[in-house]
Amino acid sequence: MKTATVADLRNNFSDISRIIHNGEKITITKRGMPFAILSPLQKRKSSSMEWPDRAEWRKRVYPEGPKTTDAALDYDRGDT
């Protein structure tokens, strides 16, 4: 594990962040004593987000099924 001082962190953050990005941990020292460890986050899983079924939502919100945008807005306003 590499070490860096607080001054190194302040003055050379781009170099230190590159090291962390490459998967290495760095111990930060203050006045010669270690007080923190910087490490990369665990890799995220690829997002497998499920998108909502908009057609089902439209059927629930507009049971009569407005065909145009104007009809949908009128329905929303209660003008129907």
N, C-alpha and C. Protein backbone atom coordinates (compact mmCIF):
# COMPACT_ATOMS: atom_id res chain seq x y z
N MET A 1 0.86 -1.18 0.00
CA MET A 1 0.00 0.00 0.00
C MET A 1 0.90 1.23 0.00
N LYS A 2 0.57 2.17 -0.85
CA LYS A 2 1.34 3.41 -0.94
C LYS A 2 0.89 4.38 0.15
N THR A 3 1.75 5.35 0.41
CA THR A 3 1.40 6.39 1.39
C THR A 3 1.56 7.76 0.74
N ALA A 4 0.81 8.71 1.27
CA ALA A 4 0.89 10.10 0.82
C ALA A 4 0.59 10.98 2.02
N THR A 5 1.19 12.14 2.02
CA THR A 5 0.91 13.10 3.10
C THR A 5 -0.30 13.95 2.71
N VAL A 6 -0.78 14.71 3.68
CA VAL A 6 -1.89 15.61 3.40
C VAL A 6 -1.46 16.63 2.35
N ALA A 7 -0.23 17.10 2.42
CA ALA A 7 0.27 18.06 1.43
C ALA A 7 0.33 17.41 0.05
N ASP A 8 0.76 16.15 -0.02
CA ASP A 8 0.77 15.45 -1.31
C ASP A 8 -0.65 15.38 -1.88
N LEU A 9 -1.58 15.06 -1.02
CA LEU A 9 -2.97 14.95 -1.45
C LEU A 9 -3.47 16.28 -1.99
N ARG A 10 -3.13 17.36 -1.31
CA ARG A 10 -3.57 18.69 -1.73
C ARG A 10 -2.87 19.12 -3.02
N ASN A 11 -1.58 18.86 -3.13
CA ASN A 11 -0.80 19.35 -4.27
C ASN A 11 -0.80 18.43 -5.48
N ASN A 12 -1.03 17.15 -5.27
CA ASN A 12 -0.94 16.18 -6.37
C ASN A 12 -2.17 15.29 -6.44
N PHE A 13 -3.34 15.87 -6.25
CA PHE A 13 -4.55 15.06 -6.18
C PHE A 13 -4.79 14.28 -7.47
N SER A 14 -4.50 14.87 -8.61
CA SER A 14 -4.76 14.16 -9.87
C SER A 14 -3.92 12.89 -9.98
N ASP A 15 -2.66 12.95 -9.54
CA ASP A 15 -1.81 11.75 -9.56
C ASP A 15 -2.31 10.70 -8.59
N ILE A 16 -2.70 11.13 -7.39
CA ILE A 16 -3.18 10.21 -6.37
C ILE A 16 -4.52 9.60 -6.79
N SER A 17 -5.40 10.41 -7.36
CA SER A 17 -6.69 9.86 -7.79
C SER A 17 -6.51 8.86 -8.92
N ARG A 18 -5.52 9.06 -9.77
CA ARG A 18 -5.24 8.10 -10.84
C ARG A 18 -4.80 6.76 -10.25
N ILE A 19 -3.97 6.80 -9.22
CA ILE A 19 -3.52 5.58 -8.55
C ILE A 19 -4.71 4.84 -7.94
N ILE A 20 -5.59 5.60 -7.28
CA ILE A 20 -6.78 5.00 -6.66
C ILE A 20 -7.69 4.43 -7.74
N HIS A 21 -7.83 5.15 -8.83
CA HIS A 21 -8.68 4.69 -9.93
C HIS A 21 -8.16 3.36 -10.50
N ASN A 22 -6.86 3.16 -10.44
CA ASN A 22 -6.25 1.92 -10.93
C ASN A 22 -6.37 0.78 -9.93
N GLY A 23 -7.04 1.01 -8.80
CA GLY A 23 -7.34 -0.08 -7.86
C GLY A 23 -6.45 -0.17 -6.65
N GLU A 24 -5.55 0.79 -6.45
CA GLU A 24 -4.65 0.71 -5.30
C GLU A 24 -5.17 1.53 -4.13
N LYS A 25 -4.84 1.10 -2.92
CA LYS A 25 -5.18 1.85 -1.71
C LYS A 25 -4.01 2.75 -1.36
N ILE A 26 -4.33 3.89 -0.76
CA ILE A 26 -3.29 4.83 -0.33
C ILE A 26 -3.57 5.22 1.11
N THR A 27 -2.54 5.12 1.95
CA THR A 27 -2.64 5.57 3.33
C THR A 27 -2.24 7.04 3.39
N ILE A 28 -3.09 7.86 3.98
CA ILE A 28 -2.81 9.29 4.12
C ILE A 28 -2.23 9.52 5.50
N THR A 29 -1.10 10.22 5.55
CA THR A 29 -0.46 10.51 6.83
C THR A 29 -0.54 12.00 7.14
N LYS A 30 -0.64 12.28 8.41
CA LYS A 30 -0.67 13.67 8.89
C LYS A 30 0.33 13.75 10.03
N ARG A 31 1.34 14.59 9.85
CA ARG A 31 2.42 14.73 10.83
C ARG A 31 3.09 13.38 11.13
N GLY A 32 3.23 12.60 10.07
CA GLY A 32 3.93 11.33 10.19
C GLY A 32 3.09 10.16 10.69
N MET A 33 1.85 10.41 11.07
CA MET A 33 0.99 9.36 11.59
C MET A 33 -0.13 9.07 10.59
N PRO A 34 -0.37 7.80 10.28
CA PRO A 34 -1.47 7.49 9.37
C PRO A 34 -2.82 7.79 10.01
N PHE A 35 -3.72 8.38 9.22
CA PHE A 35 -5.04 8.67 9.79
C PHE A 35 -6.18 8.34 8.84
N ALA A 36 -5.87 8.01 7.60
CA ALA A 36 -6.95 7.66 6.67
C ALA A 36 -6.41 6.75 5.58
N ILE A 37 -7.32 5.98 5.02
CA ILE A 37 -6.98 5.14 3.88
C ILE A 37 -7.96 5.49 2.76
N LEU A 38 -7.42 5.82 1.61
CA LEU A 38 -8.24 6.08 0.44
C LEU A 38 -8.19 4.84 -0.44
N SER A 39 -9.35 4.36 -0.80
CA SER A 39 -9.40 3.16 -1.63
C SER A 39 -10.51 3.32 -2.66
N PRO A 40 -10.40 2.59 -3.76
CA PRO A 40 -11.44 2.69 -4.78
C PRO A 40 -12.72 2.03 -4.30
N LEU A 41 -13.85 2.52 -4.80
CA LEU A 41 -15.12 1.89 -4.50
C LEU A 41 -15.20 0.56 -5.23
N GLN A 42 -16.05 -0.31 -4.72
CA GLN A 42 -16.26 -1.56 -5.42
C GLN A 42 -16.92 -1.25 -6.75
N LYS A 43 -16.59 -2.04 -7.74
CA LYS A 43 -17.17 -1.80 -9.06
C LYS A 43 -18.67 -2.03 -9.01
N ARG A 44 -19.39 -1.16 -9.70
CA ARG A 44 -20.84 -1.27 -9.76
C ARG A 44 -21.23 -2.32 -10.78
N LYS A 45 -22.33 -2.95 -10.52
CA LYS A 45 -22.88 -3.87 -11.51
C LYS A 45 -23.50 -3.04 -12.62
N SER A 46 -23.54 -3.60 -13.79
CA SER A 46 -24.19 -2.87 -14.88
C SER A 46 -25.66 -2.68 -14.54
N SER A 47 -26.15 -1.54 -14.87
CA SER A 47 -27.53 -1.19 -14.53
C SER A 47 -28.51 -2.03 -15.34
N SER A 48 -29.35 -2.75 -14.63
CA SER A 48 -30.40 -3.51 -15.31
C SER A 48 -31.74 -2.98 -14.82
N MET A 49 -31.91 -1.68 -15.03
CA MET A 49 -33.11 -1.01 -14.56
C MET A 49 -34.31 -1.44 -15.40
N GLU A 50 -35.41 -1.69 -14.73
CA GLU A 50 -36.63 -2.03 -15.44
C GLU A 50 -37.44 -0.74 -15.62
N TRP A 51 -37.73 -0.42 -16.86
CA TRP A 51 -38.50 0.77 -17.15
C TRP A 51 -39.98 0.49 -16.95
N PRO A 52 -40.73 1.49 -16.50
CA PRO A 52 -42.16 1.27 -16.28
C PRO A 52 -42.89 1.04 -17.60
N ASP A 53 -43.97 0.32 -17.52
CA ASP A 53 -44.80 0.05 -18.69
C ASP A 53 -45.72 1.25 -18.88
N ARG A 54 -45.35 2.13 -19.80
CA ARG A 54 -46.10 3.37 -20.00
C ARG A 54 -47.51 3.11 -20.55
N ALA A 55 -47.65 2.09 -21.37
CA ALA A 55 -48.96 1.78 -21.93
C ALA A 55 -49.92 1.39 -20.81
N GLU A 56 -49.43 0.60 -19.87
CA GLU A 56 -50.27 0.20 -18.73
C GLU A 56 -50.63 1.41 -17.88
N TRP A 57 -49.66 2.31 -17.69
CA TRP A 57 -49.91 3.53 -16.91
C TRP A 57 -50.99 4.37 -17.60
N ARG A 58 -50.88 4.54 -18.94
CA ARG A 58 -51.87 5.32 -19.67
C ARG A 58 -53.26 4.73 -19.53
N LYS A 59 -53.35 3.41 -19.55
CA LYS A 59 -54.66 2.76 -19.41
C LYS A 59 -55.26 3.03 -18.03
N ARG A 60 -54.39 3.07 -17.00
CA ARG A 60 -54.87 3.33 -15.66
C ARG A 60 -55.29 4.78 -15.49
N VAL A 61 -54.49 5.72 -16.02
CA VAL A 61 -54.75 7.15 -15.84
C VAL A 61 -55.88 7.62 -16.74
N TYR A 62 -55.92 7.12 -17.97
CA TYR A 62 -56.93 7.53 -18.94
C TYR A 62 -57.73 6.29 -19.36
N PRO A 63 -58.68 5.86 -18.54
CA PRO A 63 -59.42 4.64 -18.86
C PRO A 63 -60.16 4.70 -20.19
N GLU A 64 -60.61 5.90 -20.60
CA GLU A 64 -61.30 6.01 -21.89
C GLU A 64 -60.31 6.00 -23.04
N GLY A 65 -59.04 6.20 -22.73
CA GLY A 65 -58.02 6.17 -23.76
C GLY A 65 -58.06 7.35 -24.70
N PRO A 66 -57.72 8.58 -24.24
CA PRO A 66 -57.72 9.73 -25.14
C PRO A 66 -56.74 9.50 -26.29
N LYS A 67 -57.15 9.91 -27.49
CA LYS A 67 -56.36 9.64 -28.69
C LYS A 67 -55.37 10.75 -29.01
N THR A 68 -55.62 11.97 -28.53
CA THR A 68 -54.73 13.08 -28.85
C THR A 68 -54.21 13.71 -27.57
N THR A 69 -53.18 14.51 -27.73
CA THR A 69 -52.61 15.22 -26.58
C THR A 69 -53.62 16.18 -25.98
N ASP A 70 -54.38 16.88 -26.84
CA ASP A 70 -55.39 17.82 -26.34
C ASP A 70 -56.44 17.10 -25.51
N ALA A 71 -56.84 15.92 -25.97
CA ALA A 71 -57.83 15.16 -25.22
C ALA A 71 -57.27 14.72 -23.88
N ALA A 72 -56.00 14.36 -23.86
CA ALA A 72 -55.36 13.96 -22.60
C ALA A 72 -55.31 15.14 -21.64
N LEU A 73 -54.95 16.33 -22.15
CA LEU A 73 -54.90 17.50 -21.29
C LEU A 73 -56.28 17.88 -20.78
N ASP A 74 -57.27 17.84 -21.64
CA ASP A 74 -58.64 18.11 -21.22
C ASP A 74 -59.08 17.13 -20.13
N TYR A 75 -58.76 15.87 -20.32
CA TYR A 75 -59.12 14.86 -19.33
C TYR A 75 -58.43 15.15 -18.00
N ASP A 76 -57.15 15.53 -18.09
CA ASP A 76 -56.37 15.84 -16.89
C ASP A 76 -56.96 17.02 -16.13
N ARG A 77 -57.43 18.04 -16.88
CA ARG A 77 -58.01 19.22 -16.26
C ARG A 77 -59.42 19.00 -15.76
N GLY A 78 -60.03 17.91 -16.19
CA GLY A 78 -61.42 17.65 -15.81
C GLY A 78 -62.40 18.30 -16.74
N ASP A 79 -61.95 18.69 -17.95
CA ASP A 79 -62.81 19.38 -18.91
C ASP A 79 -63.68 18.43 -19.71
N THR A 80 -63.57 17.12 -19.49
CA THR A 80 -64.40 16.18 -20.27
C THR A 80 -65.69 15.86 -19.59
